[in-house]
Amino acid sequence: MAESIEYVHGDATAPQGKGVRIIAHVCNDLGGWGKGFVLALSRRWPEPEAAYRRWHRERAGNDFGLGAVQLVQVSPYLWVANLVGQRGIRTGRSTGAPVRYEAIDTALATLAAEARRLGASVHMPLIGCGLAGGRWERVEPLITARLTAKGIPVTVYDH
């Protein structure tokens, strides 16, 4: 039976519950890390930012790009999943939101396989809806289809 997303008030960088947990968040495809939720991650752990920047820098020889996922272990039972689901960043003159729903969908499918392999629950802020400019009513069904419908527990944190 499919579980539903659990919504809690709190900090996604301090995921609740026991066992292996993955904190998922959306990154851009420019190698930029410096605004929004990533700042909270970097305040707790240097590894996700360092790994993301290295992944981008060495992208000619790896899978970096829209829809890709990078898992970074930050403690024995805690991982951070960098999901590339945003094309560029929003600037003063840009039109349209940088969010790419198809890329988030692809990344969530990969994340589901990794969560199953690790026996992990998934924790996240309202991914794709901050600086990426996405709408939760478009992101939530992707999470339901890719994760909770496959029995992977998901907790969304509203800070």
Protein backbone atom coordinates (compact mmCIF):
# COMPACT_ATOMS: atom_id res chain seq x y z
CA MET A 1 0.00 0.00 0.00
CA ALA A 2 1.29 3.43 -0.94
CA GLU A 3 2.19 5.74 1.87
CA SER A 4 1.50 9.42 1.69
CA ILE A 5 3.91 12.27 2.16
CA GLU A 6 4.27 13.34 5.78
CA TYR A 7 4.36 17.11 6.25
CA VAL A 8 6.06 18.51 9.34
CA HIS A 9 7.11 21.92 10.57
CA GLY A 10 10.86 21.91 11.04
CA ASP A 11 14.33 21.94 9.59
CA ALA A 12 15.03 19.55 6.70
CA THR A 13 18.74 19.57 7.61
CA ALA A 14 17.78 17.83 10.88
CA PRO A 15 15.62 14.96 9.57
CA GLN A 16 13.39 13.22 12.08
CA GLY A 17 13.12 9.49 12.61
CA LYS A 18 15.47 6.55 12.90
CA GLY A 19 17.51 4.53 10.46
CA VAL A 20 19.12 5.64 7.22
CA ARG A 21 17.87 9.00 5.97
CA ILE A 22 18.47 10.92 2.74
CA ILE A 23 18.04 14.69 2.58
CA ALA A 24 17.03 15.54 -1.00
CA HIS A 25 17.22 19.00 -2.54
CA VAL A 26 17.34 20.56 -6.01
CA CYS A 27 20.50 22.08 -7.50
CA ASN A 28 21.07 24.06 -10.70
CA ASP A 29 23.04 22.90 -13.73
CA LEU A 30 25.55 25.78 -13.58
CA GLY A 31 27.63 24.59 -10.66
CA GLY A 32 26.30 27.46 -8.55
CA TRP A 33 25.84 26.86 -4.82
CA GLY A 34 25.21 29.89 -2.68
CA LYS A 35 21.56 30.74 -2.11
CA GLY A 36 18.56 29.10 -0.53
CA PHE A 37 18.48 25.70 1.14
CA VAL A 38 22.08 24.84 0.17
CA LEU A 39 23.33 27.46 2.62
CA ALA A 40 21.65 25.58 5.48
CA LEU A 41 23.26 22.35 4.25
CA SER A 42 26.70 23.97 4.06
CA ARG A 43 26.37 25.32 7.59
CA ARG A 44 26.04 21.72 8.82
CA TRP A 45 28.36 19.82 6.46
CA PRO A 46 31.03 20.89 3.96
CA GLU A 47 30.87 17.64 1.94
CA PRO A 48 27.69 18.15 -0.16
CA GLU A 49 28.90 21.49 -1.54
CA ALA A 50 32.45 20.25 -2.15
CA ALA A 51 31.16 17.12 -3.89
CA TYR A 52 28.68 19.11 -6.03
CA ARG A 53 31.34 21.62 -7.13
CA ARG A 54 33.75 18.79 -7.99
CA TRP A 55 30.97 16.91 -9.86
CA HIS A 56 30.27 20.06 -11.92
CA ARG A 57 33.96 20.85 -12.49
CA GLU A 58 34.63 17.30 -13.75
CA ARG A 59 31.35 17.07 -15.71
CA ALA A 60 33.09 16.20 -18.99
CA GLY A 61 33.81 12.78 -17.48
CA ASN A 62 30.68 12.09 -15.45
CA ASP A 63 26.86 12.17 -15.51
CA PHE A 64 26.40 15.77 -14.27
CA GLY A 65 23.40 17.39 -15.94
CA LEU A 66 19.65 17.84 -15.65
CA GLY A 67 18.07 14.81 -14.00
CA ALA A 68 21.30 13.53 -12.44
CA VAL A 69 21.65 12.59 -8.76
CA GLN A 70 24.71 12.71 -6.53
CA LEU A 71 24.56 11.02 -3.11
CA VAL A 72 26.96 12.34 -0.49
CA GLN A 73 27.32 10.60 2.87
CA VAL A 74 27.62 13.07 5.76
CA SER A 75 27.33 10.66 8.71
CA PRO A 76 26.93 6.88 9.14
CA TYR A 77 23.13 7.03 8.68
CA LEU A 78 22.70 10.28 6.78
CA TRP A 79 23.14 11.16 3.13
CA VAL A 80 22.49 14.32 1.09
CA ALA A 81 21.12 13.86 -2.43
CA ASN A 82 22.03 16.65 -4.85
CA LEU A 83 19.30 16.51 -7.54
CA VAL A 84 19.99 18.55 -10.67
CA GLY A 85 16.50 19.86 -11.45
CA GLN A 86 17.01 23.49 -12.33
CA ARG A 87 18.27 24.98 -15.62
CA GLY A 88 20.43 27.98 -14.76
CA ILE A 89 19.39 30.52 -12.17
CA ARG A 90 16.87 33.32 -12.11
CA THR A 91 18.32 36.72 -12.90
CA GLY A 92 16.71 40.14 -12.91
CA ARG A 93 15.81 39.93 -16.60
CA SER A 94 15.01 36.24 -16.97
CA THR A 95 11.56 35.10 -17.93
CA GLY A 96 10.10 31.88 -16.64
CA ALA A 97 11.22 29.78 -13.72
CA PRO A 98 14.47 27.78 -13.87
CA VAL A 99 12.75 24.66 -12.48
CA ARG A 100 12.66 21.63 -14.82
CA TYR A 101 9.92 19.24 -13.72
CA GLU A 102 11.05 16.48 -16.11
CA ALA A 103 14.56 16.62 -14.61
CA ILE A 104 13.16 16.46 -11.07
CA ASP A 105 11.05 13.46 -12.11
CA THR A 106 14.09 11.67 -13.57
CA ALA A 107 16.17 12.47 -10.48
CA LEU A 108 13.42 11.21 -8.15
CA ALA A 109 13.30 7.89 -10.02
CA THR A 110 17.06 7.48 -9.45
CA LEU A 111 16.65 8.59 -5.84
CA ALA A 112 13.96 5.92 -5.31
CA ALA A 113 16.36 3.18 -6.40
CA GLU A 114 19.09 4.53 -4.10
CA ALA A 115 16.70 4.87 -1.15
CA ARG A 116 15.55 1.29 -1.65
CA ARG A 117 19.16 0.06 -1.87
CA LEU A 118 20.06 1.87 1.37
CA GLY A 119 16.76 1.09 3.12
CA ALA A 120 16.38 4.84 3.63
CA SER A 121 13.60 7.32 4.19
CA VAL A 122 13.70 10.58 2.21
CA HIS A 123 13.50 14.06 3.75
CA MET A 124 13.28 17.36 1.88
CA PRO A 125 12.17 20.97 1.88
CA LEU A 126 9.59 21.98 -0.77
CA ILE A 127 12.03 20.98 -3.52
CA GLY A 128 12.02 23.00 -6.72
CA CYS A 129 9.75 25.64 -5.20
CA GLY A 130 12.21 28.13 -3.74
CA LEU A 131 14.80 29.77 -5.98
CA ALA A 132 13.89 27.34 -8.80
CA GLY A 133 10.45 28.96 -8.95
CA GLY A 134 8.43 25.77 -9.24
CA ARG A 135 4.91 25.08 -8.00
CA TRP A 136 4.37 22.43 -5.32
CA GLU A 137 1.18 21.22 -7.00
CA ARG A 138 3.41 20.09 -9.91
CA VAL A 139 6.23 18.66 -7.76
CA GLU A 140 4.15 16.78 -5.19
CA PRO A 141 2.63 14.27 -7.69
CA LEU A 142 6.17 13.42 -8.91
CA ILE A 143 7.23 12.61 -5.33
CA THR A 144 4.09 10.53 -4.81
CA ALA A 145 4.59 8.57 -8.06
CA ARG A 146 8.34 8.01 -7.73
CA LEU A 147 8.77 7.55 -3.97
CA THR A 148 5.72 7.09 -1.74
CA ALA A 149 3.84 4.91 -4.24
CA LYS A 150 6.87 2.59 -4.14
CA GLY A 151 6.76 2.39 -0.34
CA ILE A 152 9.56 4.86 0.37
CA PRO A 153 8.69 7.09 3.36
CA VAL A 154 8.94 10.80 2.54
CA THR A 155 8.88 13.69 5.00
CA VAL A 156 8.56 17.27 3.72
CA TYR A 157 9.68 20.05 6.04
CA ASP A 158 8.04 23.45 6.05
CA HIS A 159 10.51 25.73 7.79
